[in-house]
C-alpha atoms as a PDB file:
ATOM      1  CA  MET A   1     -87.182  72.905  25.005  1.00  0.00           C
ATOM      2  CA  ALA A   2     -90.327  74.796  26.027  1.00  0.00           C
ATOM      3  CA  TYR A   3     -91.521  77.628  23.821  1.00  0.00           C
ATOM      4  CA  GLU A   4     -93.715  80.481  24.950  1.00  0.00           C
ATOM      5  CA  PRO A   5     -97.193  80.225  23.435  1.00  0.00           C
ATOM      6  CA  GLY A   6     -98.432  83.219  21.510  1.00  0.00           C
ATOM      7  CA  ARG A   7     -94.985  84.664  20.730  1.00  0.00           C
ATOM      8  CA  GLY A   8     -95.466  84.049  17.020  1.00  0.00           C
ATOM      9  CA  ASP A   9     -91.970  82.683  16.484  1.00  0.00           C
ATOM     10  CA  ASN A  10     -89.944  79.585  17.174  1.00  0.00           C
ATOM     11  CA  LEU A  11     -87.388  81.187  19.477  1.00  0.00           C
ATOM     12  CA  PRO A  12     -86.369  79.365  22.628  1.00  0.00           C
ATOM     13  CA  PRO A  13     -87.089  81.247  25.885  1.00  0.00           C
ATOM     14  CA  SER A  14     -83.474  82.520  25.873  1.00  0.00           C
ATOM     15  CA  GLY A  15     -84.107  84.267  22.522  1.00  0.00           C
ATOM     16  CA  ILE A  16     -80.840  82.784  21.230  1.00  0.00           C
ATOM     17  CA  VAL A  17     -80.621  81.341  17.737  1.00  0.00           C
ATOM     18  CA  ALA A  18     -77.197  79.908  16.915  1.00  0.00           C
ATOM     19  CA  PHE A  19     -75.742  76.913  15.121  1.00  0.00           C
ATOM     20  CA  THR A  20     -72.389  75.399  14.217  1.00  0.00           C
ATOM     21  CA  ALA A  21     -72.231  72.438  11.861  1.00  0.00           C
ATOM     22  CA  LYS A  22     -69.244  70.594  10.390  1.00  0.00           C
ATOM     23  CA  LEU A  23     -68.726  68.793   7.116  1.00  0.00           C
ATOM     24  CA  ASN A  24     -68.376  65.051   7.665  1.00  0.00           C
ATOM     25  CA  ILE A  25     -65.069  63.592   6.537  1.00  0.00           C
ATOM     26  CA  ASN A  26     -66.860  61.164   4.197  1.00  0.00           C
ATOM     27  CA  ASN A  27     -68.584  64.126   2.473  1.00  0.00           C
ATOM     28  CA  SER A  28     -65.248  65.664   1.451  1.00  0.00           C
ATOM     29  CA  TYR A  29     -64.667  66.579  -2.205  1.00  0.00           C
ATOM     30  CA  PRO A  30     -68.378  66.787  -3.110  1.00  0.00           C
ATOM     31  CA  CYS A  31     -69.122  65.713  -6.686  1.00  0.00           C
ATOM     32  CA  HIS A  32     -72.345  67.707  -6.980  1.00  0.00           C
ATOM     33  CA  SER A  33     -73.207  71.354  -7.368  1.00  0.00           C
ATOM     34  CA  GLY A  34     -75.814  72.745  -4.998  1.00  0.00           C
ATOM     35  CA  VAL A  35     -76.348  72.648  -1.232  1.00  0.00           C
ATOM     36  CA  LEU A  36     -73.385  71.487   0.848  1.00  0.00           C
ATOM     37  CA  LYS A  37     -74.694  69.506   3.814  1.00  0.00           C
ATOM     38  CA  PHE A  38     -72.888  70.000   7.107  1.00  0.00           C
ATOM     39  CA  ALA A  39     -74.127  66.863   8.882  1.00  0.00           C
ATOM     40  CA  THR A  40     -72.235  67.032  12.196  1.00  0.00           C
ATOM     41  CA  VAL A  41     -74.116  69.541  14.338  1.00  0.00           C
ATOM     42  CA  LEU A  42     -72.236  70.931  17.339  1.00  0.00           C
ATOM     43  CA  VAL A  43     -74.797  73.562  18.382  1.00  0.00           C
ATOM     44  CA  ASN A  44     -78.331  74.150  17.127  1.00  0.00           C
ATOM     45  CA  GLU A  45     -79.982  76.496  19.636  1.00  0.00           C
ATOM     46  CA  GLY A  46     -83.420  77.391  18.325  1.00  0.00           C
ATOM     47  CA  GLY A  47     -83.447  74.383  15.982  1.00  0.00           C
ATOM     48  CA  GLY A  48     -83.125  76.377  12.744  1.00  0.00           C
ATOM     49  CA  TYR A  49     -80.391  74.302  11.093  1.00  0.00           C
ATOM     50  CA  SER A  50     -81.252  70.982   9.414  1.00  0.00           C
ATOM     51  CA  PRO A  51     -78.333  68.595   8.862  1.00  0.00           C
ATOM     52  CA  GLU A  52     -80.565  66.533   6.570  1.00  0.00           C
ATOM     53  CA  THR A  53     -81.027  69.403   4.100  1.00  0.00           C
ATOM     54  CA  GLY A  54     -77.993  71.574   4.934  1.00  0.00           C
ATOM     55  CA  THR A  55     -80.352  74.528   5.235  1.00  0.00           C
ATOM     56  CA  PHE A  56     -81.003  77.048   8.006  1.00  0.00           C
ATOM     57  CA  THR A  57     -84.664  78.099   8.228  1.00  0.00           C
ATOM     58  CA  CYS A  58     -85.137  81.389  10.048  1.00  0.00           C
ATOM     59  CA  PRO A  59     -87.347  81.048  13.150  1.00  0.00           C
ATOM     60  CA  ALA A  60     -87.812  84.803  13.713  1.00  0.00           C
ATOM     61  CA  ASP A  61     -87.219  88.114  11.915  1.00  0.00           C
ATOM     62  CA  GLY A  62     -83.904  89.813  12.568  1.00  0.00           C
ATOM     63  CA  PHE A  63     -80.300  90.266  11.600  1.00  0.00           C
ATOM     64  CA  TYR A  64     -78.166  87.126  11.420  1.00  0.00           C
ATOM     65  CA  HIS A  65     -74.422  86.641  10.960  1.00  0.00           C
ATOM     66  CA  PHE A  66     -73.301  83.656   8.862  1.00  0.00           C
ATOM     67  CA  THR A  67     -69.774  82.376   8.329  1.00  0.00           C
ATOM     68  CA  VAL A  68     -68.371  79.505   6.322  1.00  0.00           C
ATOM     69  CA  HIS A  69     -64.791  78.285   6.923  1.00  0.00           C
ATOM     70  CA  VAL A  70     -63.697  75.972   4.112  1.00  0.00           C
ATOM     71  CA  SER A  71     -60.631  73.713   4.002  1.00  0.00           C
ATOM     72  CA  VAL A  72     -59.427  73.563   0.389  1.00  0.00           C
ATOM     73  CA  TYR A  73     -56.808  71.283  -1.180  1.00  0.00           C
ATOM     74  CA  GLY A  74     -56.539  72.435  -4.771  1.00  0.00           C
ATOM     75  CA  ARG A  75     -59.441  74.539  -6.014  1.00  0.00           C
ATOM     76  CA  GLY A  76     -62.663  75.275  -4.129  1.00  0.00           C
ATOM     77  CA  GLN A  77     -65.567  77.640  -4.599  1.00  0.00           C
ATOM     78  CA  CYS A  78     -68.764  78.095  -2.616  1.00  0.00           C
ATOM     79  CA  ALA A  79     -71.196  80.792  -1.547  1.00  0.00           C
ATOM     80  CA  ILE A  80     -73.717  81.638   1.134  1.00  0.00           C
ATOM     81  CA  PHE A  81     -77.194  81.735  -0.418  1.00  0.00           C
ATOM     82  CA  LYS A  82     -80.433  83.269   0.871  1.00  0.00           C
ATOM     83  CA  ASN A  83     -83.674  82.008  -0.692  1.00  0.00           C
ATOM     84  CA  GLY A  84     -81.861  80.924  -3.865  1.00  0.00           C
ATOM     85  CA  GLU A  85     -79.773  84.063  -4.369  1.00  0.00           C
ATOM     86  CA  LYS A  86     -76.037  84.402  -3.758  1.00  0.00           C
ATOM     87  CA  VAL A  87     -75.139  86.752  -0.888  1.00  0.00           C
ATOM     88  CA  VAL A  88     -71.335  86.310  -0.670  1.00  0.00           C
ATOM     89  CA  SER A  89     -68.920  83.821  -2.198  1.00  0.00           C
ATOM     90  CA  LEU A  90     -65.357  82.598  -1.960  1.00  0.00           C
ATOM     91  CA  TYR A  91     -62.865  81.043  -4.336  1.00  0.00           C
ATOM     92  CA  GLN A  92     -59.486  79.563  -3.475  1.00  0.00           C
ATOM     93  CA  THR A  93     -56.889  77.848  -5.592  1.00  0.00           C
ATOM     94  CA  SER A  94     -53.478  76.551  -4.626  1.00  0.00           C
ATOM     95  CA  LEU A  95     -52.798  75.111  -8.080  1.00  0.00           C
ATOM     96  CA  PRO A  96     -50.440  74.060  -9.525  1.00  0.00           C
ATOM     97  CA  ASP A  97     -48.766  73.379  -6.150  1.00  0.00           C
ATOM     98  CA  LYS A  98     -51.631  71.728  -4.288  1.00  0.00           C
ATOM     99  CA  CYS A  99     -51.606  72.519  -0.591  1.00  0.00           C
ATOM    100  CA  SER A 100     -54.164  72.784   2.177  1.00  0.00           C
ATOM    101  CA  GLN A 101     -55.581  76.219   2.950  1.00  0.00           C
ATOM    102  CA  VAL A 102     -58.547  77.580   4.903  1.00  0.00           C
ATOM    103  CA  VAL A 103     -60.744  80.214   3.304  1.00  0.00           C
ATOM    104  CA  THR A 104     -63.542  82.167   5.004  1.00  0.00           C
ATOM    105  CA  THR A 105     -66.418  84.349   3.976  1.00  0.00           C
ATOM    106  CA  SER A 106     -69.190  85.836   6.088  1.00  0.00           C
ATOM    107  CA  SER A 107     -72.061  88.286   5.998  1.00  0.00           C
ATOM    108  CA  VAL A 108     -74.730  89.898   8.142  1.00  0.00           C
ATOM    109  CA  ILE A 109     -78.090  89.183   6.502  1.00  0.00           C
ATOM    110  CA  ARG A 110     -81.541  90.562   7.326  1.00  0.00           C
ATOM    111  CA  LEU A 111     -83.949  87.624   7.482  1.00  0.00           C
ATOM    112  CA  SER A 112     -87.681  87.204   7.845  1.00  0.00           C
ATOM    113  CA  LYS A 113     -89.287  84.190   9.449  1.00  0.00           C
ATOM    114  CA  ASN A 114     -88.988  81.105   7.196  1.00  0.00           C
ATOM    115  CA  ASP A 115     -86.248  82.597   4.981  1.00  0.00           C
ATOM    116  CA  ARG A 116     -83.679  79.937   4.133  1.00  0.00           C
ATOM    117  CA  VAL A 117     -79.869  80.190   4.126  1.00  0.00           C
ATOM    118  CA  TRP A 118     -77.338  77.581   2.984  1.00  0.00           C
ATOM    119  CA  VAL A 119     -73.867  77.053   1.510  1.00  0.00           C
ATOM    120  CA  ASN A 120     -73.825  76.275  -2.200  1.00  0.00           C
ATOM    121  CA  VAL A 121     -70.903  74.512  -3.935  1.00  0.00           C
ATOM    122  CA  TRP A 122     -69.995  74.919  -7.606  1.00  0.00           C
ATOM    123  CA  GLY A 123     -69.176  71.232  -8.217  1.00  0.00           C
ATOM    124  CA  PRO A 124     -66.570  69.471 -10.368  1.00  0.00           C
ATOM    125  CA  GLY A 125     -63.463  71.505 -11.094  1.00  0.00           C
ATOM    126  CA  ARG A 126     -64.008  73.658  -7.995  1.00  0.00           C
ATOM    127  CA  ASN A 127     -64.935  71.003  -5.428  1.00  0.00           C
ATOM    128  CA  ASP A 128     -61.660  70.417  -3.544  1.00  0.00           C
ATOM    129  CA  ILE A 129     -63.399  71.156  -0.231  1.00  0.00           C
ATOM    130  CA  PHE A 130     -62.642  68.687   2.528  1.00  0.00           C
ATOM    131  CA  ALA A 131     -62.649  67.786   6.203  1.00  0.00           C
ATOM    132  CA  THR A 132     -60.251  65.575   8.160  1.00  0.00           C
ATOM    133  CA  VAL A 133     -59.645  64.810  11.804  1.00  0.00           C
ATOM    134  CA  ASP A 134     -57.352  67.881  11.902  1.00  0.00           C
ATOM    135  CA  ASN A 135     -59.064  70.196   9.374  1.00  0.00           C
ATOM    136  CA  ASP A 136     -62.686  71.244   9.680  1.00  0.00           C
ATOM    137  CA  THR A 137     -65.032  72.839   7.195  1.00  0.00           C
ATOM    138  CA  VAL A 138     -67.798  74.585   9.150  1.00  0.00           C
ATOM    139  CA  PHE A 139     -70.990  76.605   8.662  1.00  0.00           C
ATOM    140  CA  VAL A 140     -71.940  78.967  11.508  1.00  0.00           C
ATOM    141  CA  GLY A 141     -74.951  81.202  12.026  1.00  0.00           C
ATOM    142  CA  VAL A 142     -76.128  83.386  14.907  1.00  0.00           C
ATOM    143  CA  ARG A 143     -78.999  85.820  15.410  1.00  0.00           C
ATOM    144  CA  LEU A 144     -77.757  89.272  16.438  1.00  0.00           C
ATOM    145  CA  GLY A 145     -79.300  91.465  19.078  1.00  0.00           C
END
C-alpha cells in the first residue's frame, strides 16, 4: 500500500481506516483480565489494528466508531477502552439457565493520532465469552467522515 509523503498521517490513499477482527475459537473463555485479543483479522484497511496486541492504534485524528459483538454462554463482561480508560461496557448473564446470547456495545470516539483503543475483559467469574464455527465474537472499528 503506497502512502502519500508529507501527509503527516498513516492513512492509505483512499483515506479509509476500518478493521474487523474475530476472536479465535481457541481463545474462548479467557482466563485473564485485560486486553482481549481478536487474532483473526478480516479487514485492516489503514493497518491500525494489531492482532498481536489486540489494540487499535489511531493513524490519524478524527471520529471513529467502535463496536464489539460478544457471544456469551453464562456470564460475560467487557468494555471498550481508550488509552486505559473505559468508554463503554457491557455485561450479560444467562445464569442460572446457561444459554448462548450475543451482546453488543458501541461508541463514537474522538481520537488523536497514536491514541489506542481495545476491548478489555474482566476475567474469572465474568469470562464466559466465546467463539465457535457458528458464533463469532468480533471487534470492529471505522473512521467516520
